[in-house]
Amino acid sequence: VSEFVQKRNELLKKQREETIKIIRECHDKALNSTGTARKQIMEDCREKMHDLKDKYQDSRKQIKEEFKTFKKEAKTILKEAKKSGLIDKRDIKEIKHEFRDFENYTKHESKELKHDIKELRKDLKKELKKDKKKDKHDDDDD
């Protein structure tokens, strides 16, 4: 189970880092542009974010499927071990608890990543709106 946790954590961390990098790059480009160029930059950024999401979605699905297979095989082994008397009910409960913990942890991490991305996007939009107002105000002063 810990191998799956490690894989999942690495994947989420990498996705988060790439997402932050894209958002910061887009923010910097958008700050240094005006009007239609800014709109095009933001559209390109949305496309990059969508592509990144799709890229990692496939990887997450693969890990999820691998874990399902592993879990199924582990259950079969546990049943056999229980029949043969190698393990008792307490051991089985402990293993099942580890599986549930992993599933809950990965759901939590995934939600946290989505929340972080959402917050970064909000912050970017707020800053762009501020900059647009500032640019418009500066243009009015001329």
N, C-alpha and C. Protein backbone atom coordinates (compact mmCIF):
# COMPACT_ATOMS: atom_id res chain seq x y z
N VAL A 1 0.83 -1.19 0.00
CA VAL A 1 0.00 0.00 0.00
C VAL A 1 0.88 1.26 0.00
N SER A 2 1.96 1.23 0.75
CA SER A 2 2.80 2.42 0.84
C SER A 2 3.41 2.79 -0.52
N GLU A 3 3.63 1.80 -1.38
CA GLU A 3 4.15 2.08 -2.72
C GLU A 3 3.13 2.91 -3.51
N PHE A 4 1.86 2.56 -3.36
CA PHE A 4 0.82 3.31 -4.05
C PHE A 4 0.69 4.72 -3.49
N VAL A 5 0.82 4.85 -2.19
CA VAL A 5 0.77 6.17 -1.55
C VAL A 5 1.91 7.03 -2.08
N GLN A 6 3.08 6.46 -2.14
CA GLN A 6 4.25 7.20 -2.61
C GLN A 6 4.07 7.62 -4.08
N LYS A 7 3.61 6.70 -4.91
CA LYS A 7 3.37 7.02 -6.32
C LYS A 7 2.36 8.14 -6.46
N ARG A 8 1.27 8.02 -5.73
CA ARG A 8 0.20 9.01 -5.80
C ARG A 8 0.69 10.37 -5.33
N ASN A 9 1.43 10.40 -4.24
CA ASN A 9 1.95 11.67 -3.70
C ASN A 9 2.89 12.34 -4.69
N GLU A 10 3.76 11.55 -5.30
CA GLU A 10 4.69 12.11 -6.29
C GLU A 10 3.92 12.70 -7.46
N LEU A 11 2.90 11.99 -7.90
CA LEU A 11 2.09 12.46 -9.02
C LEU A 11 1.38 13.76 -8.68
N LEU A 12 0.76 13.82 -7.52
CA LEU A 12 0.05 15.03 -7.10
C LEU A 12 1.01 16.20 -6.93
N LYS A 13 2.16 15.94 -6.34
CA LYS A 13 3.14 17.00 -6.12
C LYS A 13 3.64 17.54 -7.46
N LYS A 14 3.92 16.66 -8.39
CA LYS A 14 4.40 17.07 -9.70
C LYS A 14 3.33 17.89 -10.43
N GLN A 15 2.08 17.43 -10.37
CA GLN A 15 0.99 18.16 -11.02
C GLN A 15 0.84 19.55 -10.40
N ARG A 16 0.90 19.62 -9.10
CA ARG A 16 0.76 20.90 -8.41
C ARG A 16 1.87 21.86 -8.83
N GLU A 17 3.11 21.37 -8.87
CA GLU A 17 4.24 22.22 -9.26
C GLU A 17 4.09 22.72 -10.69
N GLU A 18 3.69 21.84 -11.59
CA GLU A 18 3.52 22.24 -12.99
C GLU A 18 2.37 23.24 -13.13
N THR A 19 1.31 23.03 -12.39
CA THR A 19 0.16 23.93 -12.43
C THR A 19 0.56 25.32 -11.95
N ILE A 20 1.27 25.38 -10.84
CA ILE A 20 1.71 26.67 -10.31
C ILE A 20 2.64 27.36 -11.30
N LYS A 21 3.51 26.60 -11.91
CA LYS A 21 4.44 27.17 -12.90
C LYS A 21 3.66 27.79 -14.07
N ILE A 22 2.68 27.06 -14.58
CA ILE A 22 1.88 27.57 -15.70
C ILE A 22 1.13 28.84 -15.30
N ILE A 23 0.52 28.80 -14.12
CA ILE A 23 -0.25 29.96 -13.66
C ILE A 23 0.65 31.19 -13.51
N ARG A 24 1.82 31.00 -12.93
CA ARG A 24 2.75 32.13 -12.74
C ARG A 24 3.23 32.68 -14.09
N GLU A 25 3.58 31.77 -15.01
CA GLU A 25 4.01 32.22 -16.33
C GLU A 25 2.91 33.02 -17.02
N CYS A 26 1.70 32.50 -16.94
CA CYS A 26 0.57 33.19 -17.57
C CYS A 26 0.34 34.55 -16.93
N HIS A 27 0.44 34.58 -15.63
CA HIS A 27 0.25 35.84 -14.91
C HIS A 27 1.29 36.87 -15.36
N ASP A 28 2.54 36.46 -15.42
CA ASP A 28 3.60 37.38 -15.83
C ASP A 28 3.38 37.87 -17.26
N LYS A 29 3.02 36.96 -18.15
CA LYS A 29 2.77 37.36 -19.55
C LYS A 29 1.59 38.31 -19.63
N ALA A 30 0.53 38.00 -18.89
CA ALA A 30 -0.68 38.83 -18.94
C ALA A 30 -0.42 40.22 -18.38
N LEU A 31 0.40 40.33 -17.35
CA LEU A 31 0.71 41.63 -16.77
C LEU A 31 1.45 42.53 -17.76
N ASN A 32 2.25 41.92 -18.61
CA ASN A 32 3.07 42.68 -19.55
C ASN A 32 2.38 42.89 -20.89
N SER A 33 1.08 42.61 -20.96
CA SER A 33 0.38 42.78 -22.23
C SER A 33 -0.90 43.59 -22.01
N THR A 34 -1.53 43.93 -23.10
CA THR A 34 -2.78 44.70 -23.02
C THR A 34 -3.81 44.17 -24.00
N GLY A 35 -5.06 44.48 -23.74
CA GLY A 35 -6.17 44.23 -24.65
C GLY A 35 -6.27 42.83 -25.22
N THR A 36 -6.27 42.76 -26.56
CA THR A 36 -6.48 41.49 -27.25
C THR A 36 -5.33 40.51 -27.00
N ALA A 37 -4.13 41.03 -26.84
CA ALA A 37 -2.99 40.15 -26.55
C ALA A 37 -3.20 39.45 -25.21
N ARG A 38 -3.72 40.18 -24.24
CA ARG A 38 -4.00 39.60 -22.92
C ARG A 38 -5.06 38.51 -23.02
N LYS A 39 -6.09 38.78 -23.81
CA LYS A 39 -7.16 37.78 -23.99
C LYS A 39 -6.59 36.51 -24.61
N GLN A 40 -5.72 36.68 -25.61
CA GLN A 40 -5.12 35.51 -26.27
C GLN A 40 -4.22 34.75 -25.31
N ILE A 41 -3.47 35.46 -24.51
CA ILE A 41 -2.59 34.82 -23.52
C ILE A 41 -3.42 34.01 -22.53
N MET A 42 -4.52 34.60 -22.06
CA MET A 42 -5.37 33.89 -21.10
C MET A 42 -6.02 32.65 -21.74
N GLU A 43 -6.38 32.76 -22.98
CA GLU A 43 -6.96 31.61 -23.68
C GLU A 43 -5.91 30.51 -23.83
N ASP A 44 -4.70 30.88 -24.19
CA ASP A 44 -3.60 29.91 -24.28
C ASP A 44 -3.34 29.26 -22.93
N CYS A 45 -3.42 30.05 -21.88
CA CYS A 45 -3.20 29.52 -20.52
C CYS A 45 -4.29 28.52 -20.14
N ARG A 46 -5.52 28.84 -20.46
CA ARG A 46 -6.62 27.90 -20.17
C ARG A 46 -6.38 26.58 -20.90
N GLU A 47 -5.93 26.69 -22.13
CA GLU A 47 -5.66 25.49 -22.92
C GLU A 47 -4.52 24.66 -22.29
N LYS A 48 -3.47 25.34 -21.85
CA LYS A 48 -2.35 24.64 -21.19
C LYS A 48 -2.83 23.94 -19.92
N MET A 49 -3.66 24.62 -19.14
CA MET A 49 -4.18 24.03 -17.90
C MET A 49 -5.04 22.81 -18.21
N HIS A 50 -5.86 22.92 -19.24
CA HIS A 50 -6.70 21.79 -19.63
C HIS A 50 -5.84 20.61 -20.07
N ASP A 51 -4.81 20.88 -20.87
CA ASP A 51 -3.91 19.81 -21.32
C ASP A 51 -3.21 19.15 -20.13
N LEU A 52 -2.77 19.96 -19.18
CA LEU A 52 -2.10 19.44 -17.99
C LEU A 52 -3.05 18.55 -17.19
N LYS A 53 -4.27 19.00 -17.04
CA LYS A 53 -5.27 18.22 -16.31
C LYS A 53 -5.49 16.87 -16.99
N ASP A 54 -5.62 16.88 -18.32
CA ASP A 54 -5.82 15.63 -19.06
C ASP A 54 -4.62 14.70 -18.92
N LYS A 55 -3.43 15.27 -18.97
CA LYS A 55 -2.19 14.49 -18.85
C LYS A 55 -2.17 13.72 -17.53
N TYR A 56 -2.47 14.41 -16.46
CA TYR A 56 -2.41 13.77 -15.15
C TYR A 56 -3.64 12.92 -14.85
N GLN A 57 -4.73 13.21 -15.50
CA GLN A 57 -5.94 12.42 -15.28
C GLN A 57 -5.69 10.97 -15.71
N ASP A 58 -5.03 10.79 -16.84
CA ASP A 58 -4.71 9.44 -17.31
C ASP A 58 -3.81 8.71 -16.32
N SER A 59 -2.82 9.41 -15.80
CA SER A 59 -1.91 8.80 -14.82
C SER A 59 -2.64 8.42 -13.54
N ARG A 60 -3.53 9.30 -13.09
CA ARG A 60 -4.30 8.99 -11.87
C ARG A 60 -5.20 7.79 -12.08
N LYS A 61 -5.81 7.71 -13.25
CA LYS A 61 -6.67 6.56 -13.56
C LYS A 61 -5.86 5.28 -13.55
N GLN A 62 -4.66 5.32 -14.12
CA GLN A 62 -3.80 4.15 -14.16
C GLN A 62 -3.44 3.69 -12.75
N ILE A 63 -3.06 4.63 -11.89
CA ILE A 63 -2.71 4.28 -10.51
C ILE A 63 -3.93 3.69 -9.80
N LYS A 64 -5.08 4.29 -10.03
CA LYS A 64 -6.32 3.82 -9.41
C LYS A 64 -6.63 2.38 -9.85
N GLU A 65 -6.46 2.10 -11.13
CA GLU A 65 -6.71 0.75 -11.63
C GLU A 65 -5.69 -0.25 -11.07
N GLU A 66 -4.43 0.17 -10.99
CA GLU A 66 -3.41 -0.70 -10.41
C GLU A 66 -3.74 -1.02 -8.96
N PHE A 67 -4.21 -0.01 -8.24
CA PHE A 67 -4.56 -0.23 -6.83
C PHE A 67 -5.75 -1.17 -6.71
N LYS A 68 -6.74 -1.03 -7.58
CA LYS A 68 -7.90 -1.93 -7.56
C LYS A 68 -7.46 -3.37 -7.77
N THR A 69 -6.58 -3.57 -8.74
CA THR A 69 -6.07 -4.91 -9.03
C THR A 69 -5.30 -5.44 -7.82
N PHE A 70 -4.44 -4.62 -7.27
CA PHE A 70 -3.67 -5.01 -6.10
C PHE A 70 -4.60 -5.38 -4.94
N LYS A 71 -5.60 -4.56 -4.73
CA LYS A 71 -6.55 -4.79 -3.63
C LYS A 71 -7.29 -6.11 -3.82
N LYS A 72 -7.70 -6.37 -5.04
CA LYS A 72 -8.42 -7.62 -5.34
C LYS A 72 -7.52 -8.83 -5.06
N GLU A 73 -6.28 -8.75 -5.53
CA GLU A 73 -5.33 -9.84 -5.32
C GLU A 73 -5.04 -10.02 -3.83
N ALA A 74 -4.91 -8.91 -3.12
CA ALA A 74 -4.62 -8.98 -1.68
C ALA A 74 -5.78 -9.62 -0.93
N LYS A 75 -7.01 -9.31 -1.32
CA LYS A 75 -8.18 -9.91 -0.68
C LYS A 75 -8.20 -11.43 -0.89
N THR A 76 -7.86 -11.84 -2.10
CA THR A 76 -7.81 -13.27 -2.39
C THR A 76 -6.76 -13.96 -1.53
N ILE A 77 -5.59 -13.36 -1.44
CA ILE A 77 -4.51 -13.92 -0.62
C ILE A 77 -4.93 -13.95 0.85
N LEU A 78 -5.58 -12.90 1.31
CA LEU A 78 -6.02 -12.85 2.71
C LEU A 78 -7.03 -13.97 3.01
N LYS A 79 -7.94 -14.21 2.08
CA LYS A 79 -8.92 -15.28 2.27
C LYS A 79 -8.23 -16.63 2.39
N GLU A 80 -7.26 -16.84 1.51
CA GLU A 80 -6.52 -18.11 1.55
C GLU A 80 -5.73 -18.24 2.85
N ALA A 81 -5.10 -17.17 3.26
CA ALA A 81 -4.31 -17.19 4.49
C ALA A 81 -5.21 -17.42 5.71
N LYS A 82 -6.39 -16.85 5.66
CA LYS A 82 -7.33 -17.03 6.77
C LYS A 82 -7.80 -18.48 6.85
N LYS A 83 -8.10 -19.06 5.69
CA LYS A 83 -8.54 -20.46 5.64
C LYS A 83 -7.46 -21.40 6.18
N SER A 84 -6.23 -21.09 5.84
CA SER A 84 -5.13 -21.96 6.26
C SER A 84 -4.69 -21.67 7.70
N GLY A 85 -5.23 -20.61 8.30
CA GLY A 85 -4.91 -20.30 9.68
C GLY A 85 -3.62 -19.52 9.87
N LEU A 86 -3.07 -18.96 8.80
CA LEU A 86 -1.84 -18.18 8.89
C LEU A 86 -2.05 -16.80 9.52
N ILE A 87 -3.25 -16.26 9.35
CA ILE A 87 -3.57 -14.96 9.95
C ILE A 87 -4.94 -15.03 10.62
N ASP A 88 -5.18 -14.09 11.52
CA ASP A 88 -6.48 -14.09 12.19
C ASP A 88 -7.30 -12.86 11.77
N LYS A 89 -8.49 -12.75 12.32
CA LYS A 89 -9.40 -11.67 11.95
C LYS A 89 -8.81 -10.29 12.24
N ARG A 90 -8.08 -10.18 13.34
CA ARG A 90 -7.48 -8.90 13.71
C ARG A 90 -6.50 -8.42 12.63
N ASP A 91 -5.69 -9.34 12.10
CA ASP A 91 -4.75 -8.98 11.03
C ASP A 91 -5.50 -8.52 9.78
N ILE A 92 -6.56 -9.22 9.47
CA ILE A 92 -7.35 -8.86 8.29
C ILE A 92 -7.97 -7.48 8.46
N LYS A 93 -8.50 -7.20 9.64
CA LYS A 93 -9.08 -5.88 9.91
C LYS A 93 -8.02 -4.79 9.76
N GLU A 94 -6.84 -5.07 10.25
CA GLU A 94 -5.75 -4.10 10.16
C GLU A 94 -5.39 -3.80 8.70
N ILE A 95 -5.32 -4.83 7.90
CA ILE A 95 -4.99 -4.65 6.48
C ILE A 95 -6.11 -3.89 5.76
N LYS A 96 -7.35 -4.26 6.04
CA LYS A 96 -8.48 -3.55 5.43
C LYS A 96 -8.48 -2.08 5.85
N HIS A 97 -8.11 -1.83 7.08
CA HIS A 97 -8.03 -0.46 7.58
C HIS A 97 -6.96 0.33 6.80
N GLU A 98 -5.85 -0.31 6.49
CA GLU A 98 -4.80 0.35 5.70
C GLU A 98 -5.32 0.71 4.30
N PHE A 99 -6.09 -0.21 3.71
CA PHE A 99 -6.67 0.07 2.39
C PHE A 99 -7.60 1.28 2.46
N ARG A 100 -8.47 1.30 3.44
CA ARG A 100 -9.40 2.43 3.60
C ARG A 100 -8.63 3.74 3.84
N ASP A 101 -7.61 3.68 4.66
CA ASP A 101 -6.81 4.87 4.92
C ASP A 101 -6.19 5.41 3.63
N PHE A 102 -5.67 4.49 2.81
CA PHE A 102 -5.06 4.91 1.55
C PHE A 102 -6.10 5.57 0.65
N GLU A 103 -7.26 4.94 0.53
CA GLU A 103 -8.30 5.49 -0.33
C GLU A 103 -8.76 6.86 0.18
N ASN A 104 -8.95 6.98 1.46
CA ASN A 104 -9.36 8.27 2.03
C ASN A 104 -8.29 9.33 1.86
N TYR A 105 -7.04 8.94 2.06
CA TYR A 105 -5.93 9.87 1.92
C TYR A 105 -5.82 10.39 0.49
N THR A 106 -5.94 9.49 -0.48
CA THR A 106 -5.81 9.92 -1.87
C THR A 106 -6.97 10.82 -2.27
N LYS A 107 -8.17 10.53 -1.78
CA LYS A 107 -9.31 11.41 -2.06
C LYS A 107 -9.06 12.80 -1.47
N HIS A 108 -8.56 12.83 -0.25
CA HIS A 108 -8.28 14.10 0.42
C HIS A 108 -7.21 14.89 -0.34
N GLU A 109 -6.14 14.22 -0.74
CA GLU A 109 -5.06 14.89 -1.47
C GLU A 109 -5.55 15.43 -2.80
N SER A 110 -6.39 14.67 -3.47
CA SER A 110 -6.93 15.10 -4.76
C SER A 110 -7.80 16.34 -4.57
N LYS A 111 -8.65 16.33 -3.56
CA LYS A 111 -9.50 17.49 -3.28
C LYS A 111 -8.65 18.70 -2.93
N GLU A 112 -7.61 18.48 -2.16
CA GLU A 112 -6.72 19.58 -1.77
C GLU A 112 -6.04 20.19 -2.99
N LEU A 113 -5.59 19.35 -3.91
CA LEU A 113 -4.97 19.84 -5.13
C LEU A 113 -5.95 20.67 -5.93
N LYS A 114 -7.16 20.17 -6.09
CA LYS A 114 -8.18 20.92 -6.85
C LYS A 114 -8.46 22.26 -6.18
N HIS A 115 -8.52 22.26 -4.86
CA HIS A 115 -8.76 23.50 -4.13
C HIS A 115 -7.61 24.48 -4.34
N ASP A 116 -6.38 24.01 -4.26
CA ASP A 116 -5.21 24.87 -4.46
C ASP A 116 -5.22 25.50 -5.85
N ILE A 117 -5.53 24.69 -6.84
CA ILE A 117 -5.57 25.19 -8.21
C ILE A 117 -6.67 26.24 -8.35
N LYS A 118 -7.82 25.97 -7.77
CA LYS A 118 -8.93 26.92 -7.82
C LYS A 118 -8.55 28.25 -7.18
N GLU A 119 -7.89 28.18 -6.03
CA GLU A 119 -7.47 29.40 -5.33
C GLU A 119 -6.43 30.18 -6.15
N LEU A 120 -5.49 29.47 -6.75
CA LEU A 120 -4.50 30.15 -7.59
C LEU A 120 -5.15 30.85 -8.77
N ARG A 121 -6.12 30.20 -9.37
CA ARG A 121 -6.83 30.82 -10.49
C ARG A 121 -7.58 32.06 -10.04
N LYS A 122 -8.24 31.98 -8.88
CA LYS A 122 -8.96 33.13 -8.34
C LYS A 122 -8.02 34.30 -8.13
N ASP A 123 -6.88 34.01 -7.49
CA ASP A 123 -5.89 35.06 -7.23
C ASP A 123 -5.41 35.70 -8.52
N LEU A 124 -5.17 34.87 -9.52
CA LEU A 124 -4.72 35.38 -10.81
C LEU A 124 -5.78 36.29 -11.43
N LYS A 125 -7.02 35.86 -11.39
CA LYS A 125 -8.10 36.68 -11.96
C LYS A 125 -8.22 38.01 -11.24
N LYS A 126 -8.12 37.99 -9.90
CA LYS A 126 -8.21 39.23 -9.13
C LYS A 126 -7.08 40.18 -9.52
N GLU A 127 -5.87 39.66 -9.62
CA GLU A 127 -4.73 40.51 -9.97
C GLU A 127 -4.88 41.07 -11.37
N LEU A 128 -5.37 40.24 -12.29
CA LEU A 128 -5.56 40.74 -13.66
C LEU A 128 -6.62 41.82 -13.72
N LYS A 129 -7.69 41.64 -12.94
CA LYS A 129 -8.73 42.67 -12.91
C LYS A 129 -8.16 43.98 -12.36
N LYS A 130 -7.36 43.87 -11.29
CA LYS A 130 -6.72 45.05 -10.71
C LYS A 130 -5.84 45.75 -11.74
N ASP A 131 -5.06 44.94 -12.45
CA ASP A 131 -4.15 45.50 -13.45
C ASP A 131 -4.91 46.14 -14.60
N LYS A 132 -6.03 45.53 -15.00
CA LYS A 132 -6.85 46.11 -16.07
C LYS A 132 -7.39 47.47 -15.64
N LYS A 133 -7.90 47.53 -14.39
CA LYS A 133 -8.42 48.80 -13.89
C LYS A 133 -7.31 49.84 -13.83
N LYS A 134 -6.13 49.41 -13.40
CA LYS A 134 -4.99 50.32 -13.30
C LYS A 134 -4.61 50.82 -14.70
N ASP A 135 -4.54 49.88 -15.68
CA ASP A 135 -4.22 50.27 -17.05
C ASP A 135 -5.26 51.24 -17.60
N LYS A 136 -6.52 50.94 -17.33
CA LYS A 136 -7.60 51.80 -17.84
C LYS A 136 -7.49 53.18 -17.19
N HIS A 137 -7.21 53.21 -15.89
CA HIS A 137 -7.06 54.48 -15.17
C HIS A 137 -5.87 55.26 -15.73
N ASP A 138 -4.78 54.57 -15.98
CA ASP A 138 -3.58 55.21 -16.54
C ASP A 138 -3.88 55.77 -17.93
N ASP A 139 -4.66 55.03 -18.73
CA ASP A 139 -5.00 55.49 -20.07
C ASP A 139 -5.91 56.73 -20.00
N ASP A 140 -6.78 56.77 -19.01
CA ASP A 140 -7.68 57.91 -18.85
C ASP A 140 -6.90 59.17 -18.47
N ASP A 141 -5.82 59.00 -17.73
CA ASP A 141 -5.00 60.14 -17.31
C ASP A 141 -4.24 60.77 -18.47
N ASP A 142 -3.99 59.99 -19.52
CA ASP A 142 -3.22 60.51 -20.65
C ASP A 142 -3.98 61.47 -21.46
